[in-house]
């Protein structure tokens, strides 16, 4: 594989920062996961189609490729749906911790799709990223538990039991979030192949169109397309437009473009910065939320360092014997 293009790598980080804002928008929009994703894709498809017309971008592709784009669209749509649904049934912390496994899934899938051997440091970095996010999410709670154990070591087991999760929804959320991570990695692998051959505008248009098509079929057959389905508040329409335009149409096309120069694994590992960016943006927007403790900064430092090291290793000139 050729070394990553540094400009594309930095552009990818900006895109991931934009994606981090989707968590804030998801909290601001008062819709359930399925209609939220459907409206998001509809807005994005409309804007990308207009962009293709204005720029006179040829959108004709072979039927086989078109069907591949449609399937890829279903994959990304299901990724978004399982992500938002996982947050609904459990919480953001559990979802983000599980979503960080995407880099590990990408490593395994790359070895299958590209028929290359697994690289040891890729697996190691994937685990380090998971560790960093776990520190962010559970570090403060663990510090409290350890402090209690130090005070009353004889109550070790009761203290430990009191810190476990018993809500069944959390386990369902973990399953959904892991599914979301797998779907995200799968989508990156699929797009990694398409990005080398096709215009990113065309790819984004047909993939998002595929997501709209399959979700529309489901909504149609379940009788969900009612008058109330389209009755949204002015604020919801505003946040949805920002989500569908800047955070989806632009970010989607730009992410496909950078995949011409960056491997799917690097994309997935960098996407692990999305939770960090999302938490920072949420703290800025929702000022009433408490400040982050030291575990957040430690975990963020671990993730950021891992992503930077990966970028250096990927951009370092390599001599490959194929």
C-alpha atoms as a PDB file:
ATOM      1  CA  UNK A   1       0.000   0.000   0.000  1.00  0.00           C
ATOM      2  CA  UNK A   2       1.293   3.494  -0.747  1.00  0.00           C
ATOM      3  CA  UNK A   3       1.968   5.877   2.157  1.00  0.00           C
ATOM      4  CA  UNK A   4      -0.860   8.064   3.312  1.00  0.00           C
ATOM      5  CA  UNK A   5      -1.120  11.553   1.937  1.00  0.00           C
ATOM      6  CA  UNK A   6      -0.561  13.986   4.840  1.00  0.00           C
ATOM      7  CA  UNK A   7      -3.005  16.570   3.499  1.00  0.00           C
ATOM      8  CA  UNK A   8      -5.725  13.944   3.228  1.00  0.00           C
ATOM      9  CA  UNK A   9      -4.917  12.700   6.718  1.00  0.00           C
ATOM     10  CA  UNK A  10      -5.397  16.192   8.186  1.00  0.00           C
ATOM     11  CA  UNK A  11      -8.580  16.633   6.135  1.00  0.00           C
ATOM     12  CA  UNK A  12      -9.851  13.358   7.569  1.00  0.00           C
ATOM     13  CA  UNK A  13      -9.375  14.707  11.092  1.00  0.00           C
ATOM     14  CA  UNK A  14     -11.478  17.751  10.231  1.00  0.00           C
ATOM     15  CA  UNK A  15     -14.191  15.462   8.836  1.00  0.00           C
ATOM     16  CA  UNK A  16     -14.131  13.382  12.019  1.00  0.00           C
ATOM     17  CA  UNK A  17     -14.433  16.599  14.037  1.00  0.00           C
ATOM     18  CA  UNK A  18     -17.536  17.432  11.987  1.00  0.00           C
ATOM     19  CA  UNK A  19     -18.906  13.952  12.654  1.00  0.00           C
ATOM     20  CA  UNK A  20     -18.291  14.536  16.350  1.00  0.00           C
ATOM     21  CA  UNK A  21     -20.880  17.308  16.167  1.00  0.00           C
ATOM     22  CA  UNK A  22     -23.539  14.772  15.112  1.00  0.00           C
ATOM     23  CA  UNK A  23     -23.780  13.561  18.718  1.00  0.00           C
ATOM     24  CA  UNK A  24     -24.759  17.077  19.792  1.00  0.00           C
ATOM     25  CA  UNK A  25     -27.268  17.346  16.944  1.00  0.00           C
ATOM     26  CA  UNK A  26     -28.684  13.946  17.855  1.00  0.00           C
ATOM     27  CA  UNK A  27     -29.361  15.248  21.357  1.00  0.00           C
ATOM     28  CA  UNK A  28     -30.960  18.430  19.996  1.00  0.00           C
ATOM     29  CA  UNK A  29     -33.259  16.638  17.518  1.00  0.00           C
ATOM     30  CA  UNK A  30     -36.369  15.190  19.168  1.00  0.00           C
ATOM     31  CA  UNK A  31     -36.810  12.219  16.790  1.00  0.00           C
ATOM     32  CA  UNK A  32     -36.290   8.498  17.270  1.00  0.00           C
ATOM     33  CA  UNK A  33     -33.301   6.843  15.593  1.00  0.00           C
ATOM     34  CA  UNK A  34     -35.057   5.534  12.456  1.00  0.00           C
ATOM     35  CA  UNK A  35     -36.843   8.730  11.313  1.00  0.00           C
ATOM     36  CA  UNK A  36     -33.783  10.777  12.273  1.00  0.00           C
ATOM     37  CA  UNK A  37     -31.546   8.706   9.981  1.00  0.00           C
ATOM     38  CA  UNK A  38     -34.170   8.702   7.198  1.00  0.00           C
ATOM     39  CA  UNK A  39     -34.539  12.502   7.182  1.00  0.00           C
ATOM     40  CA  UNK A  40     -30.773  12.880   7.429  1.00  0.00           C
ATOM     41  CA  UNK A  41     -30.194  10.768   4.320  1.00  0.00           C
ATOM     42  CA  UNK A  42     -33.044  12.384   2.354  1.00  0.00           C
ATOM     43  CA  UNK A  43     -31.605  15.859   2.908  1.00  0.00           C
ATOM     44  CA  UNK A  44     -28.103  14.673   2.025  1.00  0.00           C
ATOM     45  CA  UNK A  45     -29.243  12.908  -1.171  1.00  0.00           C
ATOM     46  CA  UNK A  46     -31.145  16.012  -2.347  1.00  0.00           C
ATOM     47  CA  UNK A  47     -28.145  18.288  -1.809  1.00  0.00           C
ATOM     48  CA  UNK A  48     -25.648  15.901  -3.419  1.00  0.00           C
ATOM     49  CA  UNK A  49     -27.944  15.474  -6.439  1.00  0.00           C
ATOM     50  CA  UNK A  50     -28.190  19.265  -6.848  1.00  0.00           C
ATOM     51  CA  UNK A  51     -24.407  19.511  -6.510  1.00  0.00           C
ATOM     52  CA  UNK A  52     -23.961  16.857  -9.220  1.00  0.00           C
ATOM     53  CA  UNK A  53     -26.271  18.810 -11.554  1.00  0.00           C
ATOM     54  CA  UNK A  54     -24.541  22.154 -10.933  1.00  0.00           C
ATOM     55  CA  UNK A  55     -21.062  20.683 -11.410  1.00  0.00           C
ATOM     56  CA  UNK A  56     -22.254  18.554 -14.354  1.00  0.00           C
ATOM     57  CA  UNK A  57     -20.836  15.431 -12.744  1.00  0.00           C
ATOM     58  CA  UNK A  58     -21.540  12.292 -14.822  1.00  0.00           C
ATOM     59  CA  UNK A  59     -23.549   9.944 -12.620  1.00  0.00           C
ATOM     60  CA  UNK A  60     -23.979   6.992 -14.963  1.00  0.00           C
ATOM     61  CA  UNK A  61     -22.447   3.756 -13.653  1.00  0.00           C
ATOM     62  CA  UNK A  62     -22.747   0.067 -14.627  1.00  0.00           C
ATOM     63  CA  UNK A  63     -25.759  -1.730 -13.146  1.00  0.00           C
ATOM     64  CA  UNK A  64     -23.551  -4.060 -11.112  1.00  0.00           C
ATOM     65  CA  UNK A  65     -21.746  -1.098  -9.582  1.00  0.00           C
ATOM     66  CA  UNK A  66     -25.051   0.665  -8.923  1.00  0.00           C
ATOM     67  CA  UNK A  67     -26.323  -2.377  -7.007  1.00  0.00           C
ATOM     68  CA  UNK A  68     -23.068  -2.456  -5.032  1.00  0.00           C
ATOM     69  CA  UNK A  69     -23.536   1.198  -4.106  1.00  0.00           C
ATOM     70  CA  UNK A  70     -27.097   0.490  -2.982  1.00  0.00           C
ATOM     71  CA  UNK A  71     -25.973  -2.351  -0.722  1.00  0.00           C
ATOM     72  CA  UNK A  72     -23.228  -0.152   0.723  1.00  0.00           C
ATOM     73  CA  UNK A  73     -25.912   2.459   1.389  1.00  0.00           C
ATOM     74  CA  UNK A  74     -27.878  -0.057   3.419  1.00  0.00           C
ATOM     75  CA  UNK A  75     -24.731  -0.829   5.423  1.00  0.00           C
ATOM     76  CA  UNK A  76     -24.076   2.822   6.353  1.00  0.00           C
ATOM     77  CA  UNK A  77     -27.770   3.398   7.071  1.00  0.00           C
ATOM     78  CA  UNK A  78     -27.820   0.433   9.444  1.00  0.00           C
ATOM     79  CA  UNK A  79     -24.624   1.718  11.062  1.00  0.00           C
ATOM     80  CA  UNK A  80     -26.275   5.064  11.813  1.00  0.00           C
ATOM     81  CA  UNK A  81     -29.468   3.399  12.992  1.00  0.00           C
ATOM     82  CA  UNK A  82     -27.752   0.948  15.358  1.00  0.00           C
ATOM     83  CA  UNK A  83     -25.545   3.747  16.681  1.00  0.00           C
ATOM     84  CA  UNK A  84     -28.439   6.045  17.586  1.00  0.00           C
ATOM     85  CA  UNK A  85     -30.586   3.157  18.797  1.00  0.00           C
ATOM     86  CA  UNK A  86     -27.796   1.918  21.071  1.00  0.00           C
ATOM     87  CA  UNK A  87     -27.717   5.338  22.713  1.00  0.00           C
ATOM     88  CA  UNK A  88     -31.489   5.195  23.207  1.00  0.00           C
ATOM     89  CA  UNK A  89     -31.579   1.779  24.893  1.00  0.00           C
ATOM     90  CA  UNK A  90     -28.397   2.148  26.963  1.00  0.00           C
ATOM     91  CA  UNK A  91     -26.360   5.345  27.119  1.00  0.00           C
ATOM     92  CA  UNK A  92     -23.751   7.317  25.200  1.00  0.00           C
ATOM     93  CA  UNK A  93     -20.824   6.023  27.268  1.00  0.00           C
ATOM     94  CA  UNK A  94     -21.489   2.343  26.571  1.00  0.00           C
ATOM     95  CA  UNK A  95     -22.122   3.074  22.881  1.00  0.00           C
ATOM     96  CA  UNK A  96     -18.895   5.027  22.415  1.00  0.00           C
ATOM     97  CA  UNK A  97     -16.803   2.446  24.261  1.00  0.00           C
ATOM     98  CA  UNK A  98     -18.086  -0.346  22.011  1.00  0.00           C
ATOM     99  CA  UNK A  99     -17.865   1.760  18.852  1.00  0.00           C
ATOM    100  CA  UNK A 100     -14.118   2.092  19.413  1.00  0.00           C
ATOM    101  CA  UNK A 101     -13.752  -1.560  18.407  1.00  0.00           C
ATOM    102  CA  UNK A 102     -14.243  -0.441  14.792  1.00  0.00           C
ATOM    103  CA  UNK A 103     -10.478  -0.262  14.229  1.00  0.00           C
ATOM    104  CA  UNK A 104     -10.126  -3.895  15.298  1.00  0.00           C
ATOM    105  CA  UNK A 105     -12.926  -4.972  12.972  1.00  0.00           C
ATOM    106  CA  UNK A 106     -11.304  -2.988  10.141  1.00  0.00           C
ATOM    107  CA  UNK A 107      -7.973  -4.744  10.712  1.00  0.00           C
ATOM    108  CA  UNK A 108      -9.582  -8.177  10.462  1.00  0.00           C
ATOM    109  CA  UNK A 109     -11.739  -7.256   7.462  1.00  0.00           C
ATOM    110  CA  UNK A 110      -8.808  -5.652   5.613  1.00  0.00           C
ATOM    111  CA  UNK A 111      -6.853  -8.886   5.914  1.00  0.00           C
ATOM    112  CA  UNK A 112      -9.768 -10.714   4.269  1.00  0.00           C
ATOM    113  CA  UNK A 113     -10.714  -8.209   1.534  1.00  0.00           C
ATOM    114  CA  UNK A 114      -7.177  -7.103   0.610  1.00  0.00           C
ATOM    115  CA  UNK A 115      -5.560 -10.491   1.322  1.00  0.00           C
ATOM    116  CA  UNK A 116      -2.762  -9.009   3.388  1.00  0.00           C
ATOM    117  CA  UNK A 117      -1.179 -10.240   6.577  1.00  0.00           C
ATOM    118  CA  UNK A 118      -2.182  -8.649   9.846  1.00  0.00           C
ATOM    119  CA  UNK A 119       0.341  -6.098  11.101  1.00  0.00           C
ATOM    120  CA  UNK A 120       1.092  -6.443  14.792  1.00  0.00           C
ATOM    121  CA  UNK A 121       1.098  -2.733  15.634  1.00  0.00           C
ATOM    122  CA  UNK A 122      -2.355  -2.273  14.048  1.00  0.00           C
ATOM    123  CA  UNK A 123      -3.895  -4.784  16.442  1.00  0.00           C
ATOM    124  CA  UNK A 124      -1.958  -3.284  19.362  1.00  0.00           C
ATOM    125  CA  UNK A 125      -3.113   0.256  18.533  1.00  0.00           C
ATOM    126  CA  UNK A 126      -6.691  -0.906  18.227  1.00  0.00           C
ATOM    127  CA  UNK A 127      -6.561  -2.311  21.753  1.00  0.00           C
ATOM    128  CA  UNK A 128      -4.867   0.845  23.056  1.00  0.00           C
ATOM    129  CA  UNK A 129      -7.677   2.964  21.595  1.00  0.00           C
ATOM    130  CA  UNK A 130     -10.251   0.777  23.343  1.00  0.00           C
ATOM    131  CA  UNK A 131      -8.290   1.197  26.582  1.00  0.00           C
ATOM    132  CA  UNK A 132      -8.223   4.973  26.149  1.00  0.00           C
ATOM    133  CA  UNK A 133     -11.969   5.203  25.641  1.00  0.00           C
ATOM    134  CA  UNK A 134     -12.618   2.907  28.601  1.00  0.00           C
ATOM    135  CA  UNK A 135     -10.523   5.223  30.779  1.00  0.00           C
ATOM    136  CA  UNK A 136     -12.540   8.212  29.564  1.00  0.00           C
ATOM    137  CA  UNK A 137     -15.856   6.527  30.204  1.00  0.00           C
ATOM    138  CA  UNK A 138     -15.235   4.414  33.293  1.00  0.00           C
ATOM    139  CA  UNK A 139     -12.029   5.824  34.813  1.00  0.00           C
ATOM    140  CA  UNK A 140     -13.721   8.209  37.222  1.00  0.00           C
ATOM    141  CA  UNK A 141     -16.147   5.534  38.399  1.00  0.00           C
ATOM    142  CA  UNK A 142     -13.250   3.111  38.903  1.00  0.00           C
ATOM    143  CA  UNK A 143     -11.338   5.735  40.904  1.00  0.00           C
ATOM    144  CA  UNK A 144     -14.341   6.130  43.233  1.00  0.00           C
ATOM    145  CA  UNK A 145     -14.643   2.357  43.660  1.00  0.00           C
ATOM    146  CA  UNK A 146     -10.924   2.025  44.454  1.00  0.00           C
ATOM    147  CA  UNK A 147     -11.147   4.839  46.995  1.00  0.00           C
ATOM    148  CA  UNK A 148     -14.032   3.068  48.737  1.00  0.00           C
ATOM    149  CA  UNK A 149     -12.126  -0.227  48.741  1.00  0.00           C
ATOM    150  CA  UNK A 150      -9.083   1.481  50.265  1.00  0.00           C
ATOM    151  CA  UNK A 151     -11.274   2.858  53.053  1.00  0.00           C
ATOM    152  CA  UNK A 152     -13.142  -0.396  53.690  1.00  0.00           C
ATOM    153  CA  UNK A 153     -11.185  -3.336  52.250  1.00  0.00           C
ATOM    154  CA  UNK A 154     -13.404  -5.803  54.113  1.00  0.00           C
ATOM    155  CA  UNK A 155     -16.365  -4.650  51.962  1.00  0.00           C
ATOM    156  CA  UNK A 156     -14.505  -5.307  48.703  1.00  0.00           C
ATOM    157  CA  UNK A 157     -17.072  -7.655  47.150  1.00  0.00           C
ATOM    158  CA  UNK A 158     -20.121  -5.599  48.119  1.00  0.00           C
ATOM    159  CA  UNK A 159     -18.501  -2.417  46.769  1.00  0.00           C
ATOM    160  CA  UNK A 160     -17.534  -4.174  43.545  1.00  0.00           C
ATOM    161  CA  UNK A 161     -21.043  -5.619  43.157  1.00  0.00           C
ATOM    162  CA  UNK A 162     -22.535  -2.182  43.694  1.00  0.00           C
ATOM    163  CA  UNK A 163     -20.556  -0.857  40.728  1.00  0.00           C
ATOM    164  CA  UNK A 164     -21.766  -3.383  38.176  1.00  0.00           C
ATOM    165  CA  UNK A 165     -24.411  -2.756  35.546  1.00  0.00           C
ATOM    166  CA  UNK A 166     -27.683  -4.592  36.071  1.00  0.00           C
ATOM    167  CA  UNK A 167     -29.881  -2.835  33.536  1.00  0.00           C
ATOM    168  CA  UNK A 168     -30.683  -5.349  30.746  1.00  0.00           C
ATOM    169  CA  UNK A 169     -30.871  -2.433  28.333  1.00  0.00           C
ATOM    170  CA  UNK A 170     -27.133  -1.944  28.717  1.00  0.00           C
ATOM    171  CA  UNK A 171     -26.404  -5.403  27.331  1.00  0.00           C
ATOM    172  CA  UNK A 172     -28.738  -4.788  24.369  1.00  0.00           C
ATOM    173  CA  UNK A 173     -26.989  -1.457  23.855  1.00  0.00           C
ATOM    174  CA  UNK A 174     -23.583  -3.173  23.856  1.00  0.00           C
ATOM    175  CA  UNK A 175     -24.767  -5.617  21.178  1.00  0.00           C
ATOM    176  CA  UNK A 176     -26.177  -2.789  19.041  1.00  0.00           C
ATOM    177  CA  UNK A 177     -23.033  -0.667  19.435  1.00  0.00           C
ATOM    178  CA  UNK A 178     -20.746  -3.569  18.512  1.00  0.00           C
ATOM    179  CA  UNK A 179     -22.947  -4.189  15.468  1.00  0.00           C
ATOM    180  CA  UNK A 180     -22.620  -0.503  14.607  1.00  0.00           C
ATOM    181  CA  UNK A 181     -18.821  -0.714  14.871  1.00  0.00           C
ATOM    182  CA  UNK A 182     -18.739  -3.780  12.617  1.00  0.00           C
ATOM    183  CA  UNK A 183     -21.006  -2.104  10.053  1.00  0.00           C
ATOM    184  CA  UNK A 184     -18.869   1.040  10.086  1.00  0.00           C
ATOM    185  CA  UNK A 185     -15.708  -1.014   9.477  1.00  0.00           C
ATOM    186  CA  UNK A 186     -17.434  -2.991   6.719  1.00  0.00           C
ATOM    187  CA  UNK A 187     -18.549   0.233   5.043  1.00  0.00           C
ATOM    188  CA  UNK A 188     -14.995   1.622   5.168  1.00  0.00           C
ATOM    189  CA  UNK A 189     -13.670  -1.532   3.491  1.00  0.00           C
ATOM    190  CA  UNK A 190     -16.325  -1.370   0.752  1.00  0.00           C
ATOM    191  CA  UNK A 191     -15.719   2.321   0.101  1.00  0.00           C
ATOM    192  CA  UNK A 192     -11.973   1.796   0.185  1.00  0.00           C
ATOM    193  CA  UNK A 193     -12.399  -0.267  -2.993  1.00  0.00           C
ATOM    194  CA  UNK A 194     -14.911   2.047  -4.702  1.00  0.00           C
ATOM    195  CA  UNK A 195     -12.984   5.232  -3.849  1.00  0.00           C
ATOM    196  CA  UNK A 196     -10.090   4.139  -6.057  1.00  0.00           C
ATOM    197  CA  UNK A 197     -12.317   3.922  -9.152  1.00  0.00           C
ATOM    198  CA  UNK A 198     -15.286   6.299  -8.913  1.00  0.00           C
ATOM    199  CA  UNK A 199     -16.073   9.953  -8.294  1.00  0.00           C
ATOM    200  CA  UNK A 200     -16.860  10.563  -4.586  1.00  0.00           C
ATOM    201  CA  UNK A 201     -19.982  12.552  -5.535  1.00  0.00           C
ATOM    202  CA  UNK A 202     -21.351   9.581  -7.492  1.00  0.00           C
ATOM    203  CA  UNK A 203     -20.470   7.136  -4.728  1.00  0.00           C
ATOM    204  CA  UNK A 204     -22.087   9.289  -2.036  1.00  0.00           C
ATOM    205  CA  UNK A 205     -25.217   9.939  -4.122  1.00  0.00           C
ATOM    206  CA  UNK A 206     -26.003   6.298  -4.852  1.00  0.00           C
ATOM    207  CA  UNK A 207     -24.993   4.957  -1.453  1.00  0.00           C
ATOM    208  CA  UNK A 208     -27.161   7.409   0.460  1.00  0.00           C
ATOM    209  CA  UNK A 209     -29.919   6.837  -2.092  1.00  0.00           C
ATOM    210  CA  UNK A 210     -29.649   3.134  -1.289  1.00  0.00           C
ATOM    211  CA  UNK A 211     -30.049   3.863   2.406  1.00  0.00           C
ATOM    212  CA  UNK A 212     -33.137   5.982   1.734  1.00  0.00           C
ATOM    213  CA  UNK A 213     -34.601   3.283  -0.534  1.00  0.00           C
ATOM    214  CA  UNK A 214     -34.267   0.416   1.947  1.00  0.00           C
ATOM    215  CA  UNK A 215     -35.409   2.461   4.939  1.00  0.00           C
ATOM    216  CA  UNK A 216     -38.354   3.811   2.936  1.00  0.00           C
ATOM    217  CA  UNK A 217     -39.427   0.265   2.118  1.00  0.00           C
ATOM    218  CA  UNK A 218     -39.376  -0.629   5.798  1.00  0.00           C
ATOM    219  CA  UNK A 219     -41.268   2.513   6.826  1.00  0.00           C
ATOM    220  CA  UNK A 220     -43.792   1.946   4.032  1.00  0.00           C
ATOM    221  CA  UNK A 221     -44.563  -1.668   4.913  1.00  0.00           C
ATOM    222  CA  UNK A 222     -44.795  -0.906   8.627  1.00  0.00           C
ATOM    223  CA  UNK A 223     -47.256   1.922   7.993  1.00  0.00           C
ATOM    224  CA  UNK A 224     -44.964   4.544   9.508  1.00  0.00           C
ATOM    225  CA  UNK A 225     -45.459   7.114   6.733  1.00  0.00           C
ATOM    226  CA  UNK A 226     -48.274   9.044   8.380  1.00  0.00           C
ATOM    227  CA  UNK A 227     -49.013  12.756   8.593  1.00  0.00           C
ATOM    228  CA  UNK A 228     -47.488  12.816  12.082  1.00  0.00           C
ATOM    229  CA  UNK A 229     -44.242  11.360  10.714  1.00  0.00           C
ATOM    230  CA  UNK A 230     -43.639  14.581   8.771  1.00  0.00           C
ATOM    231  CA  UNK A 231     -44.875  16.952  11.492  1.00  0.00           C
ATOM    232  CA  UNK A 232     -41.587  18.327  12.805  1.00  0.00           C
ATOM    233  CA  UNK A 233     -40.847  21.462  14.777  1.00  0.00           C
ATOM    234  CA  UNK A 234     -38.948  24.345  13.213  1.00  0.00           C
ATOM    235  CA  UNK A 235     -35.929  23.605  15.393  1.00  0.00           C
ATOM    236  CA  UNK A 236     -35.916  19.961  14.359  1.00  0.00           C
ATOM    237  CA  UNK A 237     -35.937  20.958  10.682  1.00  0.00           C
ATOM    238  CA  UNK A 238     -33.055  23.379  11.286  1.00  0.00           C
ATOM    239  CA  UNK A 239     -30.902  20.820  13.130  1.00  0.00           C
ATOM    240  CA  UNK A 240     -31.774  18.142  10.558  1.00  0.00           C
ATOM    241  CA  UNK A 241     -30.685  20.409   7.720  1.00  0.00           C
ATOM    242  CA  UNK A 242     -27.329  21.046   9.394  1.00  0.00           C
ATOM    243  CA  UNK A 243     -26.981  17.316  10.049  1.00  0.00           C
ATOM    244  CA  UNK A 244     -27.940  16.362   6.483  1.00  0.00           C
ATOM    245  CA  UNK A 245     -25.914  19.059   4.725  1.00  0.00           C
ATOM    246  CA  UNK A 246     -22.669  19.881   6.504  1.00  0.00           C
ATOM    247  CA  UNK A 247     -22.341  16.747   8.671  1.00  0.00           C
ATOM    248  CA  UNK A 248     -23.479  14.288   5.996  1.00  0.00           C
ATOM    249  CA  UNK A 249     -23.435  15.557   2.385  1.00  0.00           C
ATOM    250  CA  UNK A 250     -20.141  17.437   2.695  1.00  0.00           C
ATOM    251  CA  UNK A 251     -18.497  15.032   5.163  1.00  0.00           C
ATOM    252  CA  UNK A 252     -19.608  11.981   3.201  1.00  0.00           C
ATOM    253  CA  UNK A 253     -18.185  13.180  -0.120  1.00  0.00           C
ATOM    254  CA  UNK A 254     -14.996  14.425   1.532  1.00  0.00           C
ATOM    255  CA  UNK A 255     -14.475  11.150   3.432  1.00  0.00           C
ATOM    256  CA  UNK A 256     -14.813   9.117   0.233  1.00  0.00           C
ATOM    257  CA  UNK A 257     -12.299  11.438  -1.440  1.00  0.00           C
ATOM    258  CA  UNK A 258      -9.649  10.973   1.261  1.00  0.00           C
ATOM    259  CA  UNK A 259     -10.086   7.192   1.041  1.00  0.00           C
ATOM    260  CA  UNK A 260      -8.262   7.432  -2.280  1.00  0.00           C
ATOM    261  CA  UNK A 261      -5.096   8.094  -0.288  1.00  0.00           C
ATOM    262  CA  UNK A 262      -5.740   6.578   3.158  1.00  0.00           C
ATOM    263  CA  UNK A 263      -6.226   2.923   4.088  1.00  0.00           C
ATOM    264  CA  UNK A 264      -9.527   1.773   5.643  1.00  0.00           C
ATOM    265  CA  UNK A 265      -7.696   0.885   8.871  1.00  0.00           C
ATOM    266  CA  UNK A 266      -6.302   4.419   9.234  1.00  0.00           C
ATOM    267  CA  UNK A 267      -9.773   5.815   8.557  1.00  0.00           C
ATOM    268  CA  UNK A 268     -11.322   3.616  11.243  1.00  0.00           C
ATOM    269  CA  UNK A 269      -8.595   4.390  13.787  1.00  0.00           C
ATOM    270  CA  UNK A 270      -8.916   8.134  13.193  1.00  0.00           C
ATOM    271  CA  UNK A 271     -12.702   7.903  13.536  1.00  0.00           C
ATOM    272  CA  UNK A 272     -12.032   6.881  17.140  1.00  0.00           C
ATOM    273  CA  UNK A 273     -11.344  10.574  17.776  1.00  0.00           C
ATOM    274  CA  UNK A 274     -15.040  11.235  17.085  1.00  0.00           C
ATOM    275  CA  UNK A 275     -16.126  10.440  20.681  1.00  0.00           C
ATOM    276  CA  UNK A 276     -13.453  12.783  22.060  1.00  0.00           C
ATOM    277  CA  UNK A 277     -14.494  15.602  19.735  1.00  0.00           C
ATOM    278  CA  UNK A 278     -18.154  14.874  20.450  1.00  0.00           C
ATOM    279  CA  UNK A 279     -17.691  15.084  24.224  1.00  0.00           C
ATOM    280  CA  UNK A 280     -15.764  18.362  23.941  1.00  0.00           C
ATOM    281  CA  UNK A 281     -18.417  19.890  21.661  1.00  0.00           C
ATOM    282  CA  UNK A 282     -21.208  18.682  23.975  1.00  0.00           C
ATOM    283  CA  UNK A 283     -19.437  20.351  26.897  1.00  0.00           C
ATOM    284  CA  UNK A 284     -19.291  23.622  24.943  1.00  0.00           C
ATOM    285  CA  UNK A 285     -22.924  23.503  23.798  1.00  0.00           C
ATOM    286  CA  UNK A 286     -24.493  22.091  26.985  1.00  0.00           C
ATOM    287  CA  UNK A 287     -22.710  24.300  29.507  1.00  0.00           C
ATOM    288  CA  UNK A 288     -24.733  22.957  32.440  1.00  0.00           C
ATOM    289  CA  UNK A 289     -22.992  19.614  32.187  1.00  0.00           C
ATOM    290  CA  UNK A 290     -20.210  18.957  34.698  1.00  0.00           C
ATOM    291  CA  UNK A 291     -16.594  19.420  33.742  1.00  0.00           C
ATOM    292  CA  UNK A 292     -14.482  16.464  32.757  1.00  0.00           C
ATOM    293  CA  UNK A 293     -12.280  14.798  35.347  1.00  0.00           C
ATOM    294  CA  UNK A 294      -8.683  13.676  34.929  1.00  0.00           C
ATOM    295  CA  UNK A 295      -9.643  10.269  33.386  1.00  0.00           C
ATOM    296  CA  UNK A 296     -11.076  12.065  30.352  1.00  0.00           C
ATOM    297  CA  UNK A 297      -7.857  13.954  29.675  1.00  0.00           C
ATOM    298  CA  UNK A 298      -5.744  10.827  30.228  1.00  0.00           C
ATOM    299  CA  UNK A 299      -7.914   8.754  27.894  1.00  0.00           C
ATOM    300  CA  UNK A 300      -8.020  11.539  25.289  1.00  0.00           C
ATOM    301  CA  UNK A 301      -4.226  11.811  25.416  1.00  0.00           C
ATOM    302  CA  UNK A 302      -3.876   8.050  24.878  1.00  0.00           C
ATOM    303  CA  UNK A 303      -6.250   8.092  21.875  1.00  0.00           C
ATOM    304  CA  UNK A 304      -4.741  11.229  20.348  1.00  0.00           C
ATOM    305  CA  UNK A 305      -1.201   9.868  20.728  1.00  0.00           C
ATOM    306  CA  UNK A 306      -2.216   6.550  19.135  1.00  0.00           C
ATOM    307  CA  UNK A 307      -3.836   8.291  16.158  1.00  0.00           C
ATOM    308  CA  UNK A 308      -0.821  10.583  15.662  1.00  0.00           C
ATOM    309  CA  UNK A 309       1.632   7.659  15.874  1.00  0.00           C
ATOM    310  CA  UNK A 310      -0.468   5.722  13.362  1.00  0.00           C
ATOM    311  CA  UNK A 311      -0.418   8.712  11.013  1.00  0.00           C
ATOM    312  CA  UNK A 312       3.368   8.953  11.297  1.00  0.00           C
ATOM    313  CA  UNK A 313       3.851   5.241  10.655  1.00  0.00           C
ATOM    314  CA  UNK A 314       1.459   5.281   7.682  1.00  0.00           C
ATOM    315  CA  UNK A 315       3.130   8.352   6.133  1.00  0.00           C
ATOM    316  CA  UNK A 316       6.638   7.031   6.728  1.00  0.00           C
ATOM    317  CA  UNK A 317       8.270   5.895   3.478  1.00  0.00           C
ATOM    318  CA  UNK A 318       8.205   2.121   3.385  1.00  0.00           C
ATOM    319  CA  UNK A 319      10.033  -0.436   1.324  1.00  0.00           C
ATOM    320  CA  UNK A 320       7.599  -3.220   0.559  1.00  0.00           C
ATOM    321  CA  UNK A 321       8.384  -6.522  -0.998  1.00  0.00           C
ATOM    322  CA  UNK A 322       5.246  -7.847  -2.674  1.00  0.00           C
END
